[in-house]
Amino acid sequence: MTALEDANAGDFDDAVKVEIMKSKMAGKYASVLAQNNFVNPAVNIDSPDTIRAWLNKKYQRETIGTKNLAIQRLSQERFQSYDTPDTYEARIHPLILGVANNDAYVLGTLKTHLSGDCKLYSWIRNENIADINEFFIILKNIWLKCSSLNEGQNFNQAQPKKKLLAKQNNSIISQPVFPSYYEMQKSFQAMMEKQKIESKAEIEKQKAEIEKLKAEFETKMTQQSKKSCPPVPFKDYEQMQEFYEGQDDPR
């Protein structure tokens, strides 16, 4: 805009600037009226400043609602533990569009947003803050200072904790380790299962030995039964000798 003014000195008046700015509007902002009806009394939109004022009011009305609703929502806001000054300012800024920079009520409300953080609140409460813009600048400075202090405190507090933890670990390592009840029970069950398997194998082995002996006995009995019986009585010694000479086992 400034470059155009320099290049077209005398020809680039407010009416031309307003028309150019209106041509850039789109969507719900496309219809720019001749007057800003968001203020009372209504003001003619005939300069860049008046069209910016209308645009701020239009944006606030479309996204937030009326000024009373915006102030009500502003009073419910808080600087959360996960906030940074940038995220907090981005959330608050739409609620204070069109609010005078030196509005004492809004400035006091912004200070109460920090009441959840005692350190931030106590520091900023004692600051002589002139306006809303200065509030956000001071908030960033104090927040950075608090962050640096917290990092130093956390480091100092972590050192004795690390030493204590190392001492506890050494103590734990030096103590004898005894099995738990569950581990002892599991070990006993495994031992009994092993004995059971070994005992079953021994019984099977003995059964196999008995079956083997039984089979050998039956074989011998079968062979014995096949032998012919000697005549009783023998007539003489020669008859007896002839009989046993024809057998495998003379007994």
Protein backbone atom coordinates (compact mmCIF):
# COMPACT_ATOMS: atom_id res chain seq x y z
CA MET A 1 0.00 0.00 0.00
CA THR A 2 2.80 2.41 0.86
CA ALA A 3 4.59 1.62 -2.42
CA LEU A 4 1.43 2.41 -4.34
CA GLU A 5 1.05 5.72 -2.51
CA ASP A 6 4.63 6.70 -3.35
CA ALA A 7 4.17 5.75 -7.02
CA ASN A 8 0.81 7.52 -7.36
CA ALA A 9 1.19 10.56 -5.15
CA GLY A 10 -1.95 12.66 -5.13
CA ASP A 11 -4.06 10.10 -7.04
CA PHE A 12 -4.09 7.33 -4.39
CA ASP A 13 -6.64 8.76 -1.90
CA ASP A 14 -8.65 6.96 0.81
CA ALA A 15 -11.56 6.23 -1.52
CA VAL A 16 -9.30 4.30 -3.88
CA LYS A 17 -7.65 2.43 -1.00
CA VAL A 18 -11.05 1.43 0.44
CA GLU A 19 -12.23 0.10 -2.91
CA ILE A 20 -9.05 -1.97 -3.31
CA MET A 21 -9.45 -3.41 0.20
CA LYS A 22 -13.12 -4.22 -0.47
CA SER A 23 -12.14 -6.09 -3.63
CA LYS A 24 -9.90 -8.36 -1.55
CA MET A 25 -12.78 -9.51 0.67
CA ALA A 26 -14.30 -12.95 0.07
CA GLY A 27 -16.83 -15.29 1.60
CA LYS A 28 -18.73 -13.92 4.58
CA TYR A 29 -16.57 -10.77 4.50
CA ALA A 30 -17.32 -9.94 0.84
CA SER A 31 -20.31 -7.71 1.50
CA VAL A 32 -18.86 -4.51 2.98
CA LEU A 33 -21.59 -1.98 3.82
CA ALA A 34 -21.25 1.76 3.50
CA GLN A 35 -21.31 2.11 7.29
CA ASN A 36 -19.93 0.17 10.24
CA ASN A 37 -23.11 -0.79 12.10
CA PHE A 38 -21.16 -2.69 14.78
CA VAL A 39 -20.52 0.62 16.59
CA ASN A 40 -22.97 3.14 17.93
CA PRO A 41 -23.37 5.55 16.31
CA ALA A 42 -22.59 3.98 12.94
CA VAL A 43 -19.47 5.21 11.21
CA ASN A 44 -18.93 5.62 7.46
CA ILE A 45 -16.45 3.15 5.98
CA ASP A 46 -14.46 5.59 3.90
CA SER A 47 -10.82 5.06 4.92
CA PRO A 48 -8.41 2.18 5.56
CA ASP A 49 -8.72 2.70 9.33
CA THR A 50 -12.52 2.52 9.30
CA ILE A 51 -12.56 -0.58 7.10
CA ARG A 52 -10.01 -2.27 9.43
CA ALA A 53 -12.20 -1.41 12.42
CA TRP A 54 -15.23 -2.90 10.63
CA LEU A 55 -13.22 -6.03 9.70
CA ASN A 56 -12.13 -6.59 13.34
CA LYS A 57 -15.75 -6.28 14.52
CA LYS A 58 -16.99 -8.53 11.72
CA TYR A 59 -14.36 -11.17 12.51
CA GLN A 60 -15.21 -11.05 16.21
CA ARG A 61 -18.93 -11.32 15.53
CA GLU A 62 -18.50 -14.24 13.12
CA THR A 63 -16.04 -16.26 15.23
CA ILE A 64 -16.70 -15.23 18.84
CA GLY A 65 -20.07 -13.51 19.00
CA THR A 66 -21.07 -10.21 20.54
CA LYS A 67 -18.69 -8.12 22.62
CA ASN A 68 -20.49 -9.14 25.82
CA LEU A 69 -20.10 -12.81 24.92
CA ALA A 70 -16.41 -12.26 24.13
CA ILE A 71 -15.83 -10.59 27.52
CA GLN A 72 -17.71 -13.43 29.22
CA ARG A 73 -15.52 -16.03 27.51
CA LEU A 74 -12.45 -13.94 28.34
CA SER A 75 -13.30 -14.11 32.04
CA GLN A 76 -13.43 -17.93 31.82
CA GLU A 77 -10.00 -18.27 30.25
CA ARG A 78 -6.85 -19.24 32.18
CA PHE A 79 -3.13 -19.51 31.47
CA GLN A 80 -2.84 -23.30 31.49
CA SER A 81 0.17 -25.34 32.64
CA TYR A 82 0.78 -26.46 29.05
CA ASP A 83 0.59 -22.88 27.70
CA THR A 84 3.39 -20.68 26.48
CA PRO A 85 2.95 -16.90 26.14
CA ASP A 86 2.53 -17.37 22.37
CA THR A 87 -0.20 -20.05 22.57
CA TYR A 88 -1.97 -18.09 25.29
CA GLU A 89 -1.89 -14.82 23.30
CA ALA A 90 -3.13 -16.57 20.15
CA ARG A 91 -6.13 -17.93 22.10
CA ILE A 92 -6.91 -14.61 23.80
CA HIS A 93 -6.42 -12.23 20.88
CA PRO A 94 -9.73 -13.01 19.06
CA LEU A 95 -11.61 -12.26 22.30
CA ILE A 96 -10.23 -8.73 22.62
CA LEU A 97 -10.59 -7.51 19.04
CA GLY A 98 -11.89 -3.95 19.11
CA VAL A 99 -11.08 -3.53 22.81
CA ALA A 100 -9.15 -0.37 23.64
CA ASN A 101 -5.49 -1.09 24.33
CA ASN A 102 -5.71 0.67 27.71
CA ASP A 103 -8.98 -0.97 28.84
CA ALA A 104 -8.46 -1.31 32.61
CA TYR A 105 -11.13 -4.02 33.07
CA VAL A 106 -9.71 -6.31 30.35
CA LEU A 107 -6.17 -5.70 31.61
CA GLY A 108 -7.20 -6.73 35.14
CA THR A 109 -8.94 -9.82 33.74
CA LEU A 110 -5.79 -10.86 31.88
CA LYS A 111 -3.80 -10.66 35.12
CA THR A 112 -6.25 -12.99 36.88
CA HIS A 113 -5.63 -15.59 34.15
CA LEU A 114 -2.22 -16.20 35.76
CA SER A 115 -3.60 -16.96 39.24
CA GLY A 116 -3.08 -20.70 38.67
CA ASP A 117 0.69 -20.10 38.56
CA CYS A 118 1.63 -18.48 41.87
CA LYS A 119 5.07 -17.39 40.74
CA LEU A 120 3.91 -15.82 37.47
CA TYR A 121 0.93 -14.15 39.14
CA SER A 122 2.94 -12.68 42.02
CA TRP A 123 5.53 -11.25 39.64
CA ILE A 124 3.16 -9.75 37.09
CA ARG A 125 0.80 -8.39 39.77
CA ASN A 126 3.59 -6.15 41.02
CA GLU A 127 4.37 -4.84 37.52
CA ASN A 128 3.13 -1.39 36.50
CA ILE A 129 1.55 -2.37 33.16
CA ALA A 130 0.29 0.46 30.98
CA ASP A 131 -1.77 -1.43 28.40
CA ILE A 132 -2.69 -4.82 26.91
CA ASN A 133 0.22 -4.94 24.44
CA GLU A 134 2.68 -4.31 27.25
CA PHE A 135 1.02 -7.06 29.30
CA PHE A 136 1.88 -9.69 26.68
CA ILE A 137 5.46 -8.40 26.37
CA ILE A 138 6.04 -8.52 30.15
CA LEU A 139 4.39 -11.95 30.35
CA LYS A 140 6.91 -13.36 27.85
CA ASN A 141 9.86 -11.89 29.78
CA ILE A 142 8.63 -13.23 33.13
CA TRP A 143 7.80 -16.64 31.67
CA LEU A 144 11.30 -16.99 30.23
CA LYS A 145 12.81 -15.96 33.57
CA CYS A 146 10.65 -18.50 35.45
CA SER A 147 11.57 -21.25 32.97
CA SER A 148 15.28 -20.61 33.54
CA LEU A 149 14.85 -20.72 37.32
CA ASN A 150 12.78 -23.94 37.15
CA GLU A 151 15.44 -25.64 35.02
CA GLY A 152 18.11 -24.72 37.59
CA GLN A 153 15.98 -25.98 40.48
CA ASN A 154 15.14 -29.23 38.70
CA PHE A 155 18.84 -29.83 38.02
CA ASN A 156 19.78 -29.22 41.67
CA GLN A 157 16.97 -31.45 42.91
CA ALA A 158 17.87 -34.22 40.48
CA GLN A 159 21.46 -34.58 41.72
CA PRO A 160 20.71 -35.92 45.26
CA LYS A 161 17.98 -38.14 43.79
CA LYS A 162 20.45 -39.67 41.35
CA LYS A 163 22.94 -40.30 44.17
CA LEU A 164 20.24 -41.89 46.33
CA LEU A 165 19.07 -44.06 43.46
CA ALA A 166 22.63 -45.21 42.75
CA LYS A 167 23.11 -46.04 46.44
CA GLN A 168 19.86 -48.03 46.49
CA ASN A 169 20.88 -49.92 43.34
CA ASN A 170 24.23 -50.85 44.89
CA SER A 171 22.44 -52.00 48.04
CA ILE A 172 20.08 -54.15 46.01
CA ILE A 173 22.95 -55.72 44.05
CA SER A 174 24.91 -56.54 47.22
CA GLN A 175 21.97 -58.35 48.87
CA PRO A 176 21.56 -62.12 48.27
CA VAL A 177 18.78 -62.95 45.86
CA PHE A 178 16.31 -65.57 47.11
CA PRO A 179 13.80 -67.26 44.83
CA SER A 180 10.19 -66.27 45.27
CA TYR A 181 7.47 -68.65 46.44
CA TYR A 182 6.23 -68.97 42.87
CA GLU A 183 9.70 -69.86 41.59
CA MET A 184 10.19 -72.46 44.36
CA GLN A 185 6.79 -74.01 43.62
CA LYS A 186 7.54 -74.16 39.91
CA SER A 187 10.93 -75.80 40.54
CA PHE A 188 9.37 -78.40 42.88
CA GLN A 189 6.70 -79.26 40.31
CA ALA A 190 9.35 -79.70 37.61
CA MET A 191 11.35 -82.01 39.88
CA MET A 192 8.27 -84.14 40.69
CA GLU A 193 7.37 -84.36 37.02
CA LYS A 194 10.87 -85.53 36.18
CA GLN A 195 10.75 -88.20 38.90
CA LYS A 196 7.36 -89.33 37.66
CA ILE A 197 8.68 -89.75 34.11
CA GLU A 198 11.78 -91.62 35.31
CA SER A 199 9.68 -93.93 37.52
CA LYS A 200 7.33 -94.70 34.64
CA ALA A 201 10.28 -95.53 32.39
CA GLU A 202 11.74 -97.89 35.04
CA ILE A 203 8.40 -99.71 35.40
CA GLU A 204 8.16 -100.15 31.63
CA LYS A 205 11.72 -101.51 31.60
CA GLN A 206 10.90 -104.07 34.31
CA LYS A 207 7.74 -105.12 32.49
CA ALA A 208 9.80 -105.67 29.34
CA GLU A 209 12.30 -107.85 31.28
CA ILE A 210 9.46 -109.93 32.74
CA GLU A 211 7.89 -110.40 29.32
CA LYS A 212 11.27 -111.47 27.94
CA LEU A 213 11.78 -114.05 30.71
CA LYS A 214 8.24 -115.29 30.27
CA ALA A 215 8.76 -115.72 26.54
CA GLU A 216 12.02 -117.63 27.11
CA PHE A 217 10.34 -119.89 29.66
CA GLU A 218 7.42 -120.64 27.35
CA THR A 219 9.85 -121.44 24.52
CA LYS A 220 11.71 -123.93 26.67
CA MET A 221 8.49 -125.51 27.87
CA THR A 222 7.30 -125.91 24.29
CA GLN A 223 10.55 -127.53 23.27
CA GLN A 224 10.41 -129.86 26.26
CA SER A 225 6.85 -130.91 25.52
CA LYS A 226 7.85 -131.95 21.99
CA LYS A 227 10.27 -134.58 23.33
CA SER A 228 8.86 -138.11 23.50
CA CYS A 229 8.49 -139.69 26.90
CA PRO A 230 10.69 -142.68 27.72
CA PRO A 231 9.04 -146.07 28.09
CA VAL A 232 8.50 -147.05 31.65
CA PRO A 233 10.06 -149.20 32.75
CA PHE A 234 13.07 -149.84 30.46
CA LYS A 235 13.61 -153.44 29.75
CA ASP A 236 17.31 -153.10 30.17
CA TYR A 237 20.21 -150.63 30.01
CA GLU A 238 20.63 -150.94 26.27
CA GLN A 239 16.99 -149.88 25.65
CA MET A 240 17.50 -146.82 27.85
CA GLN A 241 20.76 -145.87 26.05
CA GLU A 242 19.14 -146.18 22.62
CA PHE A 243 16.28 -143.92 23.65
CA TYR A 244 18.45 -141.07 24.93
CA GLU A 245 20.89 -141.23 22.04
CA GLY A 246 18.01 -140.23 19.71
CA GLN A 247 17.13 -137.10 21.82
CA ASP A 248 18.85 -133.64 21.76
CA ASP A 249 18.92 -133.41 25.52
CA PRO A 250 19.71 -136.76 27.22
CA ARG A 251 18.53 -135.44 30.62
